[in-house]
């Protein structure tokens, strides 16, 4: 004789199976970056950025910083296209400096720009106009597939 399960046990088993099948099947997604100004690099990585808009903020830049948080940087915003040389005076960490046109296309990169330990500090000059400049930790532009001609998306800049 075949023993059949009790009706309650059968009902419980059916409910468990139904619950498992009802759970949404999603692939893991990366945690989105916190709200606020961000850039999306060609690799798809999202970086949080501080903004430099005023002459004072632009002059200060990332001076005296001993490090940058992972996936962080500074975005320099200008009103109109112009040739914008940058220097590394009082900057304590090597940076990748990335110049962008009005459409967010990379027009020049100074990779692993060295710190300046003594005056006079050299300028790094793209010799092409830009309206935005992005600074991230040295070496990350290559890691994040940033090249001249690639596009960087700028988000939530108000």
N, C-alpha and C. Protein backbone atom coordinates (compact mmCIF):
# COMPACT_ATOMS: atom_id res chain seq x y z
N UNK A 1 0.83 -1.17 0.00
CA UNK A 1 0.00 0.00 0.00
C UNK A 1 0.88 1.23 0.00
N UNK A 2 0.53 2.21 -0.78
CA UNK A 2 1.27 3.46 -0.88
C UNK A 2 0.69 4.44 0.11
N UNK A 3 1.59 5.05 0.86
CA UNK A 3 1.15 6.02 1.86
C UNK A 3 1.10 7.39 1.20
N UNK A 4 0.03 8.12 1.31
CA UNK A 4 -0.10 9.46 0.74
C UNK A 4 0.13 10.49 1.83
N UNK A 5 0.73 11.63 1.47
CA UNK A 5 0.99 12.65 2.48
C UNK A 5 -0.32 13.22 3.00
N UNK A 6 -0.24 13.70 4.21
CA UNK A 6 -1.41 14.33 4.83
C UNK A 6 -1.77 15.58 4.04
N UNK A 7 -3.03 15.95 3.97
CA UNK A 7 -3.45 17.11 3.18
C UNK A 7 -2.74 18.40 3.60
N UNK A 8 -2.47 18.60 4.88
CA UNK A 8 -1.80 19.84 5.32
C UNK A 8 -0.37 19.89 4.80
N UNK A 9 0.34 18.78 4.87
CA UNK A 9 1.72 18.74 4.39
C UNK A 9 1.77 19.00 2.89
N UNK A 10 0.82 18.45 2.16
CA UNK A 10 0.76 18.66 0.72
C UNK A 10 0.48 20.13 0.40
N UNK A 11 -0.43 20.74 1.12
CA UNK A 11 -0.76 22.15 0.93
C UNK A 11 0.46 23.02 1.23
N UNK A 12 1.18 22.72 2.30
CA UNK A 12 2.38 23.47 2.67
C UNK A 12 3.44 23.37 1.56
N UNK A 13 3.66 22.18 1.05
CA UNK A 13 4.65 21.98 -0.01
C UNK A 13 4.27 22.77 -1.26
N UNK A 14 3.00 22.78 -1.62
CA UNK A 14 2.55 23.54 -2.78
C UNK A 14 2.74 25.04 -2.58
N UNK A 15 2.47 25.54 -1.38
CA UNK A 15 2.65 26.97 -1.10
C UNK A 15 4.12 27.37 -1.18
N UNK A 16 5.01 26.52 -0.66
CA UNK A 16 6.44 26.82 -0.73
C UNK A 16 6.90 26.86 -2.18
N UNK A 17 6.48 25.92 -2.97
CA UNK A 17 6.86 25.89 -4.39
C UNK A 17 6.33 27.13 -5.12
N UNK A 18 5.11 27.51 -4.83
CA UNK A 18 4.52 28.68 -5.47
C UNK A 18 5.28 29.94 -5.09
N UNK A 19 5.67 30.06 -3.82
CA UNK A 19 6.41 31.24 -3.37
C UNK A 19 7.77 31.32 -4.06
N UNK A 20 8.43 30.19 -4.22
CA UNK A 20 9.74 30.19 -4.89
C UNK A 20 9.61 30.64 -6.33
N UNK A 21 8.59 30.18 -7.00
CA UNK A 21 8.39 30.54 -8.40
C UNK A 21 7.91 31.97 -8.56
N UNK A 22 7.28 32.54 -7.53
CA UNK A 22 6.76 33.90 -7.62
C UNK A 22 7.85 34.94 -7.38
N UNK A 23 8.96 34.54 -6.78
CA UNK A 23 10.05 35.51 -6.50
C UNK A 23 10.62 36.01 -7.82
N UNK A 24 10.83 37.34 -7.90
CA UNK A 24 11.36 37.86 -9.16
C UNK A 24 12.76 37.33 -9.42
N UNK A 25 13.00 37.02 -10.66
CA UNK A 25 14.31 36.52 -11.05
C UNK A 25 15.08 37.70 -11.64
N UNK A 26 15.98 38.27 -10.84
CA UNK A 26 16.77 39.40 -11.29
C UNK A 26 18.23 39.08 -11.13
N UNK A 27 19.02 39.66 -12.00
CA UNK A 27 20.45 39.51 -11.84
C UNK A 27 20.94 40.58 -10.88
N UNK A 28 22.02 40.30 -10.18
CA UNK A 28 22.52 41.31 -9.26
C UNK A 28 22.92 42.57 -10.03
N UNK A 29 22.57 43.72 -9.48
CA UNK A 29 22.94 44.98 -10.11
C UNK A 29 23.83 45.75 -9.17
N UNK A 30 24.73 46.54 -9.72
CA UNK A 30 25.60 47.32 -8.85
C UNK A 30 24.79 48.35 -8.09
N UNK A 31 25.24 48.66 -6.91
CA UNK A 31 24.59 49.69 -6.11
C UNK A 31 24.80 51.02 -6.80
N UNK A 32 23.72 51.78 -7.02
CA UNK A 32 23.91 53.06 -7.70
C UNK A 32 24.68 54.03 -6.80
N UNK A 33 25.40 54.93 -7.43
CA UNK A 33 26.14 55.94 -6.68
C UNK A 33 25.14 56.86 -5.98
N UNK A 34 25.58 57.46 -4.92
CA UNK A 34 24.73 58.39 -4.18
C UNK A 34 24.28 59.51 -5.09
N UNK A 35 23.15 60.10 -4.74
CA UNK A 35 22.65 61.23 -5.53
C UNK A 35 23.66 62.37 -5.47
N UNK A 36 23.58 63.22 -6.43
CA UNK A 36 24.50 64.34 -6.51
C UNK A 36 25.28 64.27 -7.79
N UNK A 37 26.18 65.22 -7.99
CA UNK A 37 26.94 65.25 -9.24
C UNK A 37 27.75 63.98 -9.43
N UNK A 38 27.64 63.42 -10.65
CA UNK A 38 28.35 62.18 -10.98
C UNK A 38 28.74 62.24 -12.45
N UNK A 39 29.70 61.41 -12.79
CA UNK A 39 30.06 61.21 -14.20
C UNK A 39 30.05 59.72 -14.47
N UNK A 40 29.67 59.37 -15.69
CA UNK A 40 29.72 57.98 -16.14
C UNK A 40 30.82 57.90 -17.17
N UNK A 41 31.83 57.09 -16.86
CA UNK A 41 32.99 56.96 -17.74
C UNK A 41 32.73 55.89 -18.80
N UNK A 42 33.53 55.84 -19.86
CA UNK A 42 33.28 54.88 -20.94
C UNK A 42 33.19 53.43 -20.48
N UNK A 43 33.83 53.06 -19.38
CA UNK A 43 33.75 51.70 -18.87
C UNK A 43 32.39 51.40 -18.25
N UNK A 44 31.60 52.45 -18.00
CA UNK A 44 30.33 52.30 -17.30
C UNK A 44 30.44 52.64 -15.82
N UNK A 45 31.65 52.83 -15.32
CA UNK A 45 31.84 53.18 -13.91
C UNK A 45 31.27 54.57 -13.64
N UNK A 46 30.63 54.69 -12.48
CA UNK A 46 30.05 55.96 -12.06
C UNK A 46 30.94 56.54 -10.96
N UNK A 47 31.36 57.78 -11.15
CA UNK A 47 32.21 58.47 -10.18
C UNK A 47 31.43 59.64 -9.58
N UNK A 48 31.49 59.79 -8.27
CA UNK A 48 30.95 60.97 -7.60
C UNK A 48 31.97 62.09 -7.79
N UNK A 49 31.49 63.31 -8.06
CA UNK A 49 32.41 64.41 -8.28
C UNK A 49 32.02 65.63 -7.46
N UNK A 50 33.04 66.30 -6.99
CA UNK A 50 32.87 67.63 -6.41
C UNK A 50 32.90 68.61 -7.57
N UNK A 51 32.21 69.73 -7.41
CA UNK A 51 32.17 70.72 -8.48
C UNK A 51 33.05 71.91 -8.16
N UNK A 52 33.74 72.41 -9.15
CA UNK A 52 34.50 73.65 -9.06
C UNK A 52 33.93 74.58 -10.12
N UNK A 53 33.26 75.63 -9.67
CA UNK A 53 32.62 76.56 -10.60
C UNK A 53 33.19 77.97 -10.50
N UNK A 54 33.45 78.40 -9.28
CA UNK A 54 33.91 79.77 -9.07
C UNK A 54 35.41 79.85 -9.28
N UNK A 55 35.94 81.04 -9.51
CA UNK A 55 37.40 81.17 -9.63
C UNK A 55 38.13 80.64 -8.39
N UNK A 56 37.57 80.85 -7.22
CA UNK A 56 38.21 80.36 -5.99
C UNK A 56 38.23 78.84 -5.94
N UNK A 57 37.10 78.20 -6.28
CA UNK A 57 37.04 76.73 -6.28
C UNK A 57 37.97 76.15 -7.35
N UNK A 58 38.03 76.82 -8.49
CA UNK A 58 38.89 76.37 -9.58
C UNK A 58 40.36 76.48 -9.19
N UNK A 59 40.71 77.58 -8.52
CA UNK A 59 42.10 77.76 -8.07
C UNK A 59 42.49 76.73 -7.02
N UNK A 60 41.57 76.41 -6.12
CA UNK A 60 41.84 75.46 -5.04
C UNK A 60 41.92 74.03 -5.57
N UNK A 61 40.97 73.65 -6.43
CA UNK A 61 40.96 72.30 -7.01
C UNK A 61 41.15 71.23 -5.95
N UNK A 62 42.04 70.30 -6.20
CA UNK A 62 42.32 69.21 -5.27
C UNK A 62 43.62 69.43 -4.49
N UNK A 63 43.99 70.69 -4.33
CA UNK A 63 45.20 71.01 -3.56
C UNK A 63 45.11 70.45 -2.14
N UNK A 64 46.24 70.01 -1.65
CA UNK A 64 46.43 69.56 -0.27
C UNK A 64 45.68 68.29 0.09
N UNK A 65 45.09 67.62 -0.87
CA UNK A 65 44.43 66.33 -0.61
C UNK A 65 45.48 65.24 -0.63
N UNK A 66 45.44 64.39 0.36
CA UNK A 66 46.39 63.28 0.42
C UNK A 66 45.87 62.03 -0.29
N UNK A 67 44.56 62.01 -0.56
CA UNK A 67 43.98 60.87 -1.26
C UNK A 67 42.62 61.27 -1.81
N UNK A 68 42.10 60.41 -2.66
CA UNK A 68 40.73 60.55 -3.17
C UNK A 68 39.99 59.27 -2.82
N UNK A 69 38.73 59.40 -2.48
CA UNK A 69 37.90 58.22 -2.24
C UNK A 69 37.80 57.42 -3.53
N UNK A 70 37.56 56.11 -3.43
CA UNK A 70 37.36 55.33 -4.65
C UNK A 70 36.22 55.91 -5.48
N UNK A 71 36.42 55.94 -6.77
CA UNK A 71 35.41 56.45 -7.72
C UNK A 71 34.93 57.86 -7.34
N UNK A 72 35.90 58.72 -7.10
CA UNK A 72 35.62 60.12 -6.79
C UNK A 72 36.52 61.00 -7.63
N UNK A 73 36.12 62.25 -7.79
CA UNK A 73 36.94 63.19 -8.55
C UNK A 73 36.41 64.60 -8.40
N UNK A 74 36.94 65.48 -9.23
CA UNK A 74 36.49 66.87 -9.25
C UNK A 74 36.20 67.26 -10.68
N UNK A 75 35.08 67.97 -10.85
CA UNK A 75 34.66 68.43 -12.17
C UNK A 75 34.70 69.95 -12.18
N UNK A 76 35.49 70.50 -13.10
CA UNK A 76 35.63 71.94 -13.25
C UNK A 76 34.70 72.38 -14.38
N UNK A 77 33.79 73.29 -14.06
CA UNK A 77 32.79 73.74 -15.03
C UNK A 77 33.07 75.18 -15.43
N UNK A 78 33.12 75.42 -16.73
CA UNK A 78 33.39 76.75 -17.24
C UNK A 78 32.23 77.19 -18.12
N UNK A 79 32.11 78.50 -18.32
CA UNK A 79 30.98 79.07 -19.06
C UNK A 79 31.10 78.93 -20.58
N UNK A 80 32.33 78.93 -21.07
CA UNK A 80 32.50 78.89 -22.52
C UNK A 80 33.78 78.13 -22.87
N UNK A 81 33.87 77.66 -24.10
CA UNK A 81 35.08 76.94 -24.51
C UNK A 81 36.31 77.85 -24.52
N UNK A 82 37.41 77.29 -24.04
CA UNK A 82 38.68 78.01 -24.06
C UNK A 82 39.79 77.00 -23.83
N UNK A 83 41.02 77.39 -24.16
CA UNK A 83 42.17 76.55 -23.86
C UNK A 83 42.47 76.74 -22.38
N UNK A 84 42.51 75.65 -21.63
CA UNK A 84 42.61 75.72 -20.17
C UNK A 84 43.80 74.92 -19.65
N UNK A 85 44.95 75.57 -19.49
CA UNK A 85 46.08 74.86 -18.90
C UNK A 85 45.83 74.63 -17.41
N UNK A 86 46.29 73.49 -16.91
CA UNK A 86 46.19 73.16 -15.48
C UNK A 86 47.59 72.93 -14.96
N UNK A 87 47.76 73.07 -13.66
CA UNK A 87 49.03 72.74 -13.02
C UNK A 87 48.73 71.99 -11.75
N UNK A 88 49.78 71.48 -11.12
CA UNK A 88 49.62 70.60 -9.96
C UNK A 88 50.22 71.20 -8.68
N UNK A 89 50.28 72.52 -8.61
CA UNK A 89 50.85 73.16 -7.42
C UNK A 89 50.08 72.73 -6.18
N UNK A 90 50.81 72.31 -5.17
CA UNK A 90 50.26 71.88 -3.88
C UNK A 90 49.30 70.70 -3.99
N UNK A 91 49.35 69.99 -5.09
CA UNK A 91 48.56 68.77 -5.23
C UNK A 91 49.45 67.62 -4.81
N UNK A 92 48.94 66.78 -3.92
CA UNK A 92 49.78 65.78 -3.28
C UNK A 92 49.67 64.39 -3.90
N UNK A 93 48.74 64.21 -4.82
CA UNK A 93 48.56 62.90 -5.45
C UNK A 93 48.56 63.05 -6.97
N UNK A 94 49.15 62.12 -7.69
CA UNK A 94 49.09 62.18 -9.16
C UNK A 94 47.63 62.08 -9.63
N UNK A 95 47.32 62.81 -10.66
CA UNK A 95 45.95 62.83 -11.17
C UNK A 95 45.94 62.57 -12.67
N UNK A 96 44.81 62.05 -13.15
CA UNK A 96 44.51 62.06 -14.58
C UNK A 96 43.64 63.29 -14.79
N UNK A 97 44.08 64.19 -15.66
CA UNK A 97 43.31 65.40 -15.97
C UNK A 97 42.72 65.18 -17.36
N UNK A 98 41.40 65.32 -17.45
CA UNK A 98 40.67 64.98 -18.67
C UNK A 98 39.87 66.21 -19.11
N UNK A 99 40.19 66.75 -20.29
CA UNK A 99 39.50 67.91 -20.81
C UNK A 99 38.37 67.45 -21.73
N UNK A 100 37.19 68.10 -21.60
CA UNK A 100 36.00 67.72 -22.38
C UNK A 100 35.44 68.92 -23.15
N UNK A 101 34.85 68.64 -24.30
CA UNK A 101 34.17 69.70 -25.05
C UNK A 101 32.73 69.84 -24.54
N UNK A 102 31.94 70.68 -25.18
CA UNK A 102 30.58 70.96 -24.72
C UNK A 102 29.66 69.74 -24.80
N UNK A 103 29.99 68.75 -25.62
CA UNK A 103 29.18 67.54 -25.74
C UNK A 103 29.67 66.42 -24.82
N UNK A 104 30.69 66.69 -24.03
CA UNK A 104 31.22 65.67 -23.12
C UNK A 104 32.22 64.74 -23.77
N UNK A 105 32.72 65.10 -24.94
CA UNK A 105 33.74 64.28 -25.61
C UNK A 105 35.13 64.67 -25.09
N UNK A 106 35.94 63.68 -24.87
CA UNK A 106 37.29 63.90 -24.38
C UNK A 106 38.13 64.50 -25.51
N UNK A 107 38.75 65.65 -25.22
CA UNK A 107 39.59 66.30 -26.23
C UNK A 107 41.08 66.18 -25.90
N UNK A 108 41.41 65.88 -24.64
CA UNK A 108 42.81 65.75 -24.25
C UNK A 108 42.87 65.08 -22.88
N UNK A 109 43.96 64.34 -22.65
CA UNK A 109 44.17 63.67 -21.36
C UNK A 109 45.62 63.88 -20.95
N UNK A 110 45.82 64.29 -19.71
CA UNK A 110 47.15 64.27 -19.11
C UNK A 110 47.11 63.15 -18.08
N UNK A 111 47.68 62.01 -18.43
CA UNK A 111 47.62 60.82 -17.57
C UNK A 111 48.73 60.84 -16.53
N UNK A 112 48.37 60.41 -15.33
CA UNK A 112 49.34 60.34 -14.22
C UNK A 112 50.14 61.63 -14.10
N UNK A 113 49.43 62.73 -14.12
CA UNK A 113 50.08 64.03 -14.03
C UNK A 113 50.82 64.12 -12.70
N UNK A 114 52.13 64.37 -12.74
CA UNK A 114 52.90 64.33 -11.50
C UNK A 114 52.63 65.53 -10.59
N UNK A 115 52.82 65.31 -9.31
CA UNK A 115 52.68 66.38 -8.33
C UNK A 115 53.82 67.37 -8.54
N UNK A 116 53.60 68.58 -8.07
CA UNK A 116 54.64 69.59 -8.17
C UNK A 116 55.19 69.84 -6.77
N UNK A 117 56.49 69.58 -6.61
CA UNK A 117 57.11 69.69 -5.30
C UNK A 117 57.80 71.03 -5.09
N UNK A 118 58.08 71.77 -6.15
CA UNK A 118 58.76 73.05 -6.00
C UNK A 118 58.41 73.98 -7.16
N UNK A 119 58.34 75.27 -6.87
CA UNK A 119 58.09 76.27 -7.90
C UNK A 119 59.32 76.40 -8.79
N UNK A 120 59.17 76.71 -10.02
CA UNK A 120 57.91 76.89 -10.73
C UNK A 120 57.31 75.54 -11.14
N UNK A 121 56.01 75.45 -11.03
CA UNK A 121 55.29 74.23 -11.41
C UNK A 121 54.94 74.30 -12.89
N UNK A 122 55.12 73.21 -13.61
CA UNK A 122 54.77 73.22 -15.04
C UNK A 122 53.26 73.22 -15.24
N UNK A 123 52.85 73.76 -16.37
CA UNK A 123 51.44 73.70 -16.77
C UNK A 123 51.26 72.55 -17.73
N UNK A 124 50.08 71.96 -17.70
CA UNK A 124 49.71 70.90 -18.63
C UNK A 124 48.62 71.49 -19.51
N UNK A 125 48.96 71.66 -20.78
CA UNK A 125 48.15 72.45 -21.68
C UNK A 125 47.66 71.61 -22.85
N UNK A 126 46.33 71.47 -22.97
CA UNK A 126 45.80 70.65 -24.06
C UNK A 126 45.90 71.31 -25.44
N UNK A 127 46.06 72.62 -25.48
CA UNK A 127 46.15 73.37 -26.74
C UNK A 127 44.89 73.25 -27.60
N UNK A 128 43.81 72.73 -27.00
CA UNK A 128 42.50 72.68 -27.66
C UNK A 128 41.46 73.20 -26.66
N UNK A 129 40.40 73.83 -27.16
CA UNK A 129 39.39 74.37 -26.25
C UNK A 129 38.61 73.26 -25.53
N UNK A 130 38.20 73.59 -24.31
CA UNK A 130 37.35 72.70 -23.52
C UNK A 130 36.40 73.56 -22.69
N UNK A 131 35.33 72.94 -22.21
CA UNK A 131 34.41 73.66 -21.31
C UNK A 131 34.33 72.98 -19.94
N UNK A 132 34.82 71.76 -19.86
CA UNK A 132 34.77 71.00 -18.62
C UNK A 132 36.08 70.24 -18.48
N UNK A 133 36.55 70.15 -17.24
CA UNK A 133 37.75 69.37 -16.96
C UNK A 133 37.44 68.45 -15.79
N UNK A 134 37.81 67.19 -15.94
CA UNK A 134 37.60 66.18 -14.90
C UNK A 134 38.95 65.73 -14.37
N UNK A 135 39.07 65.69 -13.05
CA UNK A 135 40.27 65.13 -12.42
C UNK A 135 39.87 63.90 -11.62
N UNK A 136 40.60 62.81 -11.85
CA UNK A 136 40.44 61.57 -11.09
C UNK A 136 41.83 61.08 -10.70
N UNK A 137 41.89 60.11 -9.83
CA UNK A 137 43.19 59.59 -9.39
C UNK A 137 44.01 59.10 -10.59
N UNK A 138 45.31 59.33 -10.52
CA UNK A 138 46.22 58.96 -11.60
C UNK A 138 46.14 57.49 -11.97
N UNK A 139 46.05 57.22 -13.26
CA UNK A 139 46.01 55.86 -13.77
C UNK A 139 44.62 55.32 -14.02
N UNK A 140 43.60 55.98 -13.46
CA UNK A 140 42.24 55.46 -13.61
C UNK A 140 41.62 55.74 -14.97
N UNK A 141 42.07 56.77 -15.67
CA UNK A 141 41.50 57.05 -17.00
C UNK A 141 41.71 55.83 -17.90
N UNK A 142 42.90 55.27 -17.88
CA UNK A 142 43.17 54.09 -18.71
C UNK A 142 42.32 52.90 -18.25
N UNK A 143 42.26 52.70 -16.94
CA UNK A 143 41.45 51.60 -16.38
C UNK A 143 39.99 51.73 -16.80
N UNK A 144 39.49 52.96 -16.81
CA UNK A 144 38.07 53.21 -17.12
C UNK A 144 37.83 53.46 -18.61
N UNK A 145 38.82 53.16 -19.45
CA UNK A 145 38.69 53.22 -20.91
C UNK A 145 38.45 54.62 -21.45
N UNK A 146 38.97 55.62 -20.75
CA UNK A 146 38.85 57.01 -21.20
C UNK A 146 39.95 57.26 -22.23
N UNK A 147 39.53 57.68 -23.42
CA UNK A 147 40.45 57.98 -24.51
C UNK A 147 39.98 59.25 -25.20
N UNK A 148 40.87 59.90 -25.91
CA UNK A 148 40.47 61.06 -26.70
C UNK A 148 39.39 60.60 -27.67
N UNK A 149 38.29 61.34 -27.70
CA UNK A 149 37.15 61.00 -28.56
C UNK A 149 36.05 60.26 -27.83
N UNK A 150 36.35 59.65 -26.69
CA UNK A 150 35.28 58.94 -25.96
C UNK A 150 34.39 59.96 -25.25
N UNK A 151 33.22 59.52 -24.87
CA UNK A 151 32.22 60.41 -24.27
C UNK A 151 32.11 60.11 -22.78
N UNK A 152 32.00 61.18 -22.00
CA UNK A 152 31.76 61.08 -20.57
C UNK A 152 30.43 61.75 -20.29
N UNK A 153 29.54 61.01 -19.65
CA UNK A 153 28.22 61.52 -19.32
C UNK A 153 28.27 62.22 -17.97
N UNK A 154 27.72 63.41 -17.90
CA UNK A 154 27.69 64.19 -16.66
C UNK A 154 26.25 64.19 -16.15
N UNK A 155 26.06 63.78 -14.89
CA UNK A 155 24.72 63.64 -14.31
C UNK A 155 24.53 64.55 -13.09
N UNK A 156 23.34 65.05 -12.94
CA UNK A 156 22.88 65.78 -11.75
C UNK A 156 23.76 66.96 -11.36
N UNK A 157 24.20 67.69 -12.35
CA UNK A 157 24.92 68.93 -12.09
C UNK A 157 23.90 70.06 -12.23
N UNK A 158 23.69 70.77 -11.15
CA UNK A 158 22.68 71.84 -11.16
C UNK A 158 23.32 73.18 -10.96
